[in-house]
Amino acid sequence: MSRFVSAAFCAIFVFSMNTANASAAYSAAAGKAVYDASCTTCHKTGLMGAPKGGDKAAWAPRISQGMDMLVSRSVKGYTGKLGMMPAKGGNPKLTDLQIGNAVAYIVQQSK
């Protein structure tokens, strides 16, 4: 029984490390180009209730939800009380990684 418990704890640990590494895999530097090309229309002006890049007060509660949630909502789209985020920012040609990179960039600018 103790081998089973040890194996279970090891599996949980390995899974948690992989999850953390997935979030860390995004590149804010690579995301700047995506942000400049596809995200500024809304996040620079506040169009459709988008939080402006660099607005620490607006981004703090979003950032506290974690990168996985931010990227998921950015990829799939989201409608909230204050506004909406179209799936992939309205650019279906973007990959999930490109979206994650852009999110990493805007988070970095908004901390």
N, C-alpha and C. Protein backbone atom coordinates (compact mmCIF):
# COMPACT_ATOMS: atom_id res chain seq x y z
N MET A 1 0.82 -1.20 0.00
CA MET A 1 0.00 0.00 0.00
C MET A 1 0.86 1.26 0.00
N SER A 2 1.97 1.24 0.76
CA SER A 2 2.79 2.44 0.84
C SER A 2 3.45 2.75 -0.51
N ARG A 3 3.73 1.72 -1.31
CA ARG A 3 4.29 1.96 -2.65
C ARG A 3 3.26 2.68 -3.52
N PHE A 4 2.01 2.28 -3.38
CA PHE A 4 0.95 2.92 -4.15
C PHE A 4 0.84 4.39 -3.77
N VAL A 5 0.86 4.68 -2.47
CA VAL A 5 0.75 6.05 -1.99
C VAL A 5 1.95 6.86 -2.47
N SER A 6 3.14 6.29 -2.38
CA SER A 6 4.34 6.98 -2.84
C SER A 6 4.26 7.27 -4.33
N ALA A 7 3.80 6.30 -5.09
CA ALA A 7 3.67 6.49 -6.54
C ALA A 7 2.65 7.58 -6.85
N ALA A 8 1.57 7.60 -6.10
CA ALA A 8 0.54 8.62 -6.31
C ALA A 8 1.09 10.01 -6.03
N PHE A 9 1.82 10.15 -4.94
CA PHE A 9 2.41 11.45 -4.62
C PHE A 9 3.43 11.88 -5.67
N CYS A 10 4.21 10.95 -6.15
CA CYS A 10 5.18 11.26 -7.22
C CYS A 10 4.46 11.73 -8.48
N ALA A 11 3.38 11.04 -8.83
CA ALA A 11 2.63 11.42 -10.03
C ALA A 11 2.03 12.81 -9.88
N ILE A 12 1.50 13.11 -8.71
CA ILE A 12 0.93 14.44 -8.46
C ILE A 12 2.01 15.50 -8.56
N PHE A 13 3.17 15.21 -7.99
CA PHE A 13 4.28 16.17 -8.03
C PHE A 13 4.72 16.42 -9.47
N VAL A 14 4.90 15.36 -10.24
CA VAL A 14 5.33 15.50 -11.64
C VAL A 14 4.29 16.27 -12.44
N PHE A 15 3.01 15.97 -12.24
CA PHE A 15 1.95 16.69 -12.95
C PHE A 15 1.97 18.16 -12.60
N SER A 16 2.14 18.47 -11.31
CA SER A 16 2.14 19.88 -10.90
C SER A 16 3.34 20.61 -11.49
N MET A 17 4.46 19.96 -11.62
CA MET A 17 5.63 20.59 -12.22
C MET A 17 5.40 20.84 -13.70
N ASN A 18 4.77 19.91 -14.40
CA ASN A 18 4.49 20.10 -15.82
C ASN A 18 3.52 21.24 -16.03
N THR A 19 2.52 21.37 -15.17
CA THR A 19 1.55 22.46 -15.28
C THR A 19 2.24 23.81 -15.08
N ALA A 20 3.11 23.90 -14.08
CA ALA A 20 3.81 25.15 -13.83
C ALA A 20 4.72 25.50 -15.00
N ASN A 21 5.38 24.50 -15.56
CA ASN A 21 6.28 24.76 -16.68
C ASN A 21 5.52 25.19 -17.92
N ALA A 22 4.30 24.72 -18.11
CA ALA A 22 3.51 25.12 -19.27
C ALA A 22 3.23 26.62 -19.22
N SER A 23 2.93 27.15 -18.04
CA SER A 23 2.68 28.58 -17.91
C SER A 23 3.95 29.37 -18.13
N ALA A 24 5.08 28.83 -17.67
CA ALA A 24 6.34 29.53 -17.80
C ALA A 24 6.87 29.49 -19.23
N ALA A 25 6.29 28.68 -20.08
CA ALA A 25 6.79 28.52 -21.45
C ALA A 25 6.44 29.70 -22.35
N TYR A 26 5.58 30.59 -21.91
CA TYR A 26 5.22 31.74 -22.74
C TYR A 26 6.32 32.78 -22.72
N SER A 27 6.51 33.45 -23.84
CA SER A 27 7.56 34.45 -23.99
C SER A 27 6.95 35.83 -24.19
N ALA A 28 7.14 36.69 -23.19
CA ALA A 28 6.64 38.06 -23.31
C ALA A 28 7.34 38.79 -24.46
N ALA A 29 8.61 38.49 -24.65
CA ALA A 29 9.35 39.14 -25.74
C ALA A 29 8.73 38.78 -27.10
N ALA A 30 8.40 37.51 -27.30
CA ALA A 30 7.77 37.08 -28.55
C ALA A 30 6.34 37.62 -28.64
N GLY A 31 5.70 37.81 -27.50
CA GLY A 31 4.32 38.28 -27.47
C GLY A 31 4.15 39.74 -27.86
N LYS A 32 5.21 40.53 -27.76
CA LYS A 32 5.10 41.95 -28.09
C LYS A 32 4.65 42.16 -29.54
N ALA A 33 5.22 41.40 -30.46
CA ALA A 33 4.86 41.56 -31.87
C ALA A 33 3.39 41.19 -32.11
N VAL A 34 2.94 40.12 -31.46
CA VAL A 34 1.53 39.71 -31.59
C VAL A 34 0.64 40.78 -30.98
N TYR A 35 1.01 41.26 -29.79
CA TYR A 35 0.24 42.30 -29.12
C TYR A 35 0.14 43.55 -30.00
N ASP A 36 1.28 43.99 -30.53
CA ASP A 36 1.29 45.20 -31.37
C ASP A 36 0.43 45.02 -32.62
N ALA A 37 0.42 43.82 -33.20
CA ALA A 37 -0.31 43.59 -34.45
C ALA A 37 -1.79 43.29 -34.24
N SER A 38 -2.13 42.64 -33.13
CA SER A 38 -3.51 42.14 -33.00
C SER A 38 -4.28 42.60 -31.76
N CYS A 39 -3.59 43.06 -30.74
CA CYS A 39 -4.27 43.31 -29.46
C CYS A 39 -4.46 44.78 -29.13
N THR A 40 -3.64 45.64 -29.72
CA THR A 40 -3.68 47.05 -29.33
C THR A 40 -4.98 47.75 -29.70
N THR A 41 -5.65 47.28 -30.72
CA THR A 41 -6.91 47.93 -31.12
C THR A 41 -7.85 48.06 -29.93
N CYS A 42 -7.96 47.02 -29.14
CA CYS A 42 -8.85 47.06 -27.98
C CYS A 42 -8.12 47.42 -26.69
N HIS A 43 -6.93 46.83 -26.47
CA HIS A 43 -6.25 47.00 -25.19
C HIS A 43 -5.51 48.32 -25.06
N LYS A 44 -5.40 49.08 -26.12
CA LYS A 44 -4.81 50.42 -26.01
C LYS A 44 -5.89 51.47 -25.76
N THR A 45 -7.08 51.21 -26.28
CA THR A 45 -8.17 52.20 -26.19
C THR A 45 -9.26 51.84 -25.19
N GLY A 46 -9.31 50.58 -24.77
CA GLY A 46 -10.38 50.14 -23.88
C GLY A 46 -11.65 49.75 -24.62
N LEU A 47 -11.54 49.56 -25.94
CA LEU A 47 -12.68 49.18 -26.76
C LEU A 47 -13.33 47.91 -26.23
N MET A 48 -14.62 47.86 -26.21
CA MET A 48 -15.42 46.71 -25.73
C MET A 48 -15.13 46.37 -24.28
N GLY A 49 -14.66 47.35 -23.52
CA GLY A 49 -14.39 47.12 -22.10
C GLY A 49 -13.06 46.44 -21.83
N ALA A 50 -12.20 46.35 -22.83
CA ALA A 50 -10.90 45.70 -22.64
C ALA A 50 -10.06 46.49 -21.65
N PRO A 51 -9.43 45.80 -20.70
CA PRO A 51 -8.53 46.53 -19.79
C PRO A 51 -7.31 47.02 -20.57
N LYS A 52 -6.95 48.26 -20.34
CA LYS A 52 -5.82 48.84 -21.07
C LYS A 52 -4.50 48.25 -20.56
N GLY A 53 -3.61 48.01 -21.50
CA GLY A 53 -2.29 47.52 -21.13
C GLY A 53 -1.61 48.52 -20.20
N GLY A 54 -1.01 48.02 -19.13
CA GLY A 54 -0.33 48.88 -18.17
C GLY A 54 -1.22 49.37 -17.04
N ASP A 55 -2.52 49.16 -17.13
CA ASP A 55 -3.45 49.59 -16.07
C ASP A 55 -3.41 48.56 -14.94
N LYS A 56 -2.55 48.81 -13.96
CA LYS A 56 -2.31 47.83 -12.90
C LYS A 56 -3.58 47.50 -12.11
N ALA A 57 -4.41 48.50 -11.85
CA ALA A 57 -5.63 48.26 -11.07
C ALA A 57 -6.60 47.37 -11.83
N ALA A 58 -6.72 47.57 -13.13
CA ALA A 58 -7.64 46.76 -13.93
C ALA A 58 -7.12 45.34 -14.12
N TRP A 59 -5.80 45.19 -14.20
CA TRP A 59 -5.22 43.87 -14.48
C TRP A 59 -4.99 43.03 -13.23
N ALA A 60 -4.83 43.65 -12.06
CA ALA A 60 -4.50 42.90 -10.84
C ALA A 60 -5.46 41.74 -10.57
N PRO A 61 -6.78 41.95 -10.60
CA PRO A 61 -7.67 40.81 -10.33
C PRO A 61 -7.61 39.75 -11.43
N ARG A 62 -7.31 40.15 -12.62
CA ARG A 62 -7.20 39.18 -13.73
C ARG A 62 -5.92 38.37 -13.59
N ILE A 63 -4.82 39.07 -13.31
CA ILE A 63 -3.53 38.40 -13.15
C ILE A 63 -3.59 37.41 -12.00
N SER A 64 -4.31 37.76 -10.94
CA SER A 64 -4.40 36.86 -9.77
C SER A 64 -5.09 35.54 -10.10
N GLN A 65 -5.82 35.48 -11.19
CA GLN A 65 -6.48 34.23 -11.61
C GLN A 65 -5.50 33.27 -12.25
N GLY A 66 -4.34 33.75 -12.64
CA GLY A 66 -3.30 32.89 -13.20
C GLY A 66 -3.26 32.92 -14.72
N MET A 67 -2.09 32.58 -15.23
CA MET A 67 -1.87 32.59 -16.68
C MET A 67 -2.77 31.61 -17.41
N ASP A 68 -2.96 30.43 -16.83
CA ASP A 68 -3.79 29.43 -17.52
C ASP A 68 -5.19 29.97 -17.80
N MET A 69 -5.78 30.65 -16.81
CA MET A 69 -7.12 31.22 -16.99
C MET A 69 -7.10 32.35 -18.01
N LEU A 70 -6.11 33.23 -17.93
CA LEU A 70 -6.03 34.35 -18.88
C LEU A 70 -5.86 33.85 -20.31
N VAL A 71 -4.99 32.88 -20.48
CA VAL A 71 -4.76 32.35 -21.83
C VAL A 71 -6.00 31.63 -22.33
N SER A 72 -6.63 30.84 -21.49
CA SER A 72 -7.83 30.10 -21.88
C SER A 72 -8.93 31.05 -22.35
N ARG A 73 -9.15 32.11 -21.58
CA ARG A 73 -10.19 33.07 -21.96
C ARG A 73 -9.82 33.84 -23.21
N SER A 74 -8.54 34.07 -23.40
CA SER A 74 -8.10 34.78 -24.60
C SER A 74 -8.22 33.91 -25.84
N VAL A 75 -7.99 32.62 -25.68
CA VAL A 75 -8.09 31.69 -26.80
C VAL A 75 -9.55 31.41 -27.14
N LYS A 76 -10.36 31.12 -26.13
CA LYS A 76 -11.76 30.71 -26.34
C LYS A 76 -12.72 31.88 -26.44
N GLY A 77 -12.33 33.02 -25.89
CA GLY A 77 -13.24 34.16 -25.81
C GLY A 77 -13.91 34.20 -24.46
N TYR A 78 -14.40 35.36 -24.09
CA TYR A 78 -14.99 35.53 -22.76
C TYR A 78 -15.87 36.77 -22.77
N THR A 79 -17.01 36.65 -22.11
CA THR A 79 -17.89 37.79 -21.89
C THR A 79 -18.10 37.94 -20.39
N GLY A 80 -17.75 39.10 -19.87
CA GLY A 80 -17.89 39.38 -18.43
C GLY A 80 -18.78 40.58 -18.20
N LYS A 81 -18.83 41.02 -16.95
CA LYS A 81 -19.69 42.16 -16.58
C LYS A 81 -19.21 43.47 -17.20
N LEU A 82 -17.90 43.59 -17.39
CA LEU A 82 -17.35 44.86 -17.85
C LEU A 82 -17.04 44.91 -19.34
N GLY A 83 -17.10 43.77 -20.00
CA GLY A 83 -16.78 43.77 -21.43
C GLY A 83 -16.64 42.36 -21.96
N MET A 84 -16.04 42.27 -23.14
CA MET A 84 -15.88 40.94 -23.75
C MET A 84 -14.55 40.85 -24.48
N MET A 85 -14.10 39.60 -24.59
CA MET A 85 -12.87 39.27 -25.31
C MET A 85 -13.25 38.28 -26.39
N PRO A 86 -13.15 38.67 -27.66
CA PRO A 86 -13.46 37.70 -28.71
C PRO A 86 -12.40 36.60 -28.75
N ALA A 87 -12.79 35.43 -29.16
CA ALA A 87 -11.83 34.32 -29.26
C ALA A 87 -10.64 34.74 -30.10
N LYS A 88 -9.46 34.49 -29.57
CA LYS A 88 -8.19 34.83 -30.22
C LYS A 88 -8.14 36.30 -30.65
N GLY A 89 -8.83 37.14 -29.88
CA GLY A 89 -8.82 38.57 -30.18
C GLY A 89 -9.41 38.90 -31.53
N GLY A 90 -10.20 37.97 -32.05
CA GLY A 90 -10.81 38.18 -33.36
C GLY A 90 -9.90 37.79 -34.52
N ASN A 91 -8.74 37.20 -34.22
CA ASN A 91 -7.80 36.79 -35.26
C ASN A 91 -7.63 35.27 -35.20
N PRO A 92 -8.47 34.51 -35.91
CA PRO A 92 -8.42 33.05 -35.81
C PRO A 92 -7.13 32.43 -36.35
N LYS A 93 -6.31 33.21 -37.03
CA LYS A 93 -5.04 32.68 -37.56
C LYS A 93 -3.98 32.53 -36.48
N LEU A 94 -4.17 33.19 -35.34
CA LEU A 94 -3.19 33.10 -34.26
C LEU A 94 -3.23 31.72 -33.61
N THR A 95 -2.07 31.22 -33.25
CA THR A 95 -1.99 29.94 -32.54
C THR A 95 -2.20 30.18 -31.05
N ASP A 96 -2.48 29.12 -30.33
CA ASP A 96 -2.63 29.24 -28.88
C ASP A 96 -1.34 29.75 -28.24
N LEU A 97 -0.19 29.31 -28.76
CA LEU A 97 1.09 29.77 -28.23
C LEU A 97 1.27 31.27 -28.47
N GLN A 98 0.90 31.74 -29.64
CA GLN A 98 1.01 33.18 -29.91
C GLN A 98 0.12 33.98 -28.97
N ILE A 99 -1.08 33.46 -28.72
CA ILE A 99 -1.98 34.12 -27.77
C ILE A 99 -1.35 34.14 -26.38
N GLY A 100 -0.81 33.00 -25.95
CA GLY A 100 -0.15 32.92 -24.65
C GLY A 100 1.01 33.89 -24.53
N ASN A 101 1.77 34.02 -25.59
CA ASN A 101 2.88 34.97 -25.59
C ASN A 101 2.38 36.40 -25.47
N ALA A 102 1.31 36.73 -26.18
CA ALA A 102 0.74 38.08 -26.10
C ALA A 102 0.20 38.35 -24.70
N VAL A 103 -0.43 37.36 -24.10
CA VAL A 103 -0.92 37.51 -22.73
C VAL A 103 0.25 37.73 -21.78
N ALA A 104 1.32 36.96 -21.96
CA ALA A 104 2.52 37.14 -21.12
C ALA A 104 3.06 38.55 -21.25
N TYR A 105 3.04 39.09 -22.46
CA TYR A 105 3.54 40.46 -22.68
C TYR A 105 2.66 41.48 -21.95
N ILE A 106 1.35 41.37 -22.11
CA ILE A 106 0.48 42.37 -21.48
C ILE A 106 0.50 42.24 -19.95
N VAL A 107 0.62 41.02 -19.47
CA VAL A 107 0.74 40.82 -18.01
C VAL A 107 2.02 41.47 -17.50
N GLN A 108 3.11 41.25 -18.21
CA GLN A 108 4.40 41.84 -17.82
C GLN A 108 4.30 43.37 -17.77
N GLN A 109 3.60 43.96 -18.73
CA GLN A 109 3.44 45.41 -18.79
C GLN A 109 2.48 45.94 -17.72
N SER A 110 1.67 45.06 -17.15
CA SER A 110 0.58 45.50 -16.27
C SER A 110 0.78 45.12 -14.82
N LYS A 111 1.93 44.61 -14.46
CA LYS A 111 2.21 44.25 -13.05
C LYS A 111 2.71 45.46 -12.30
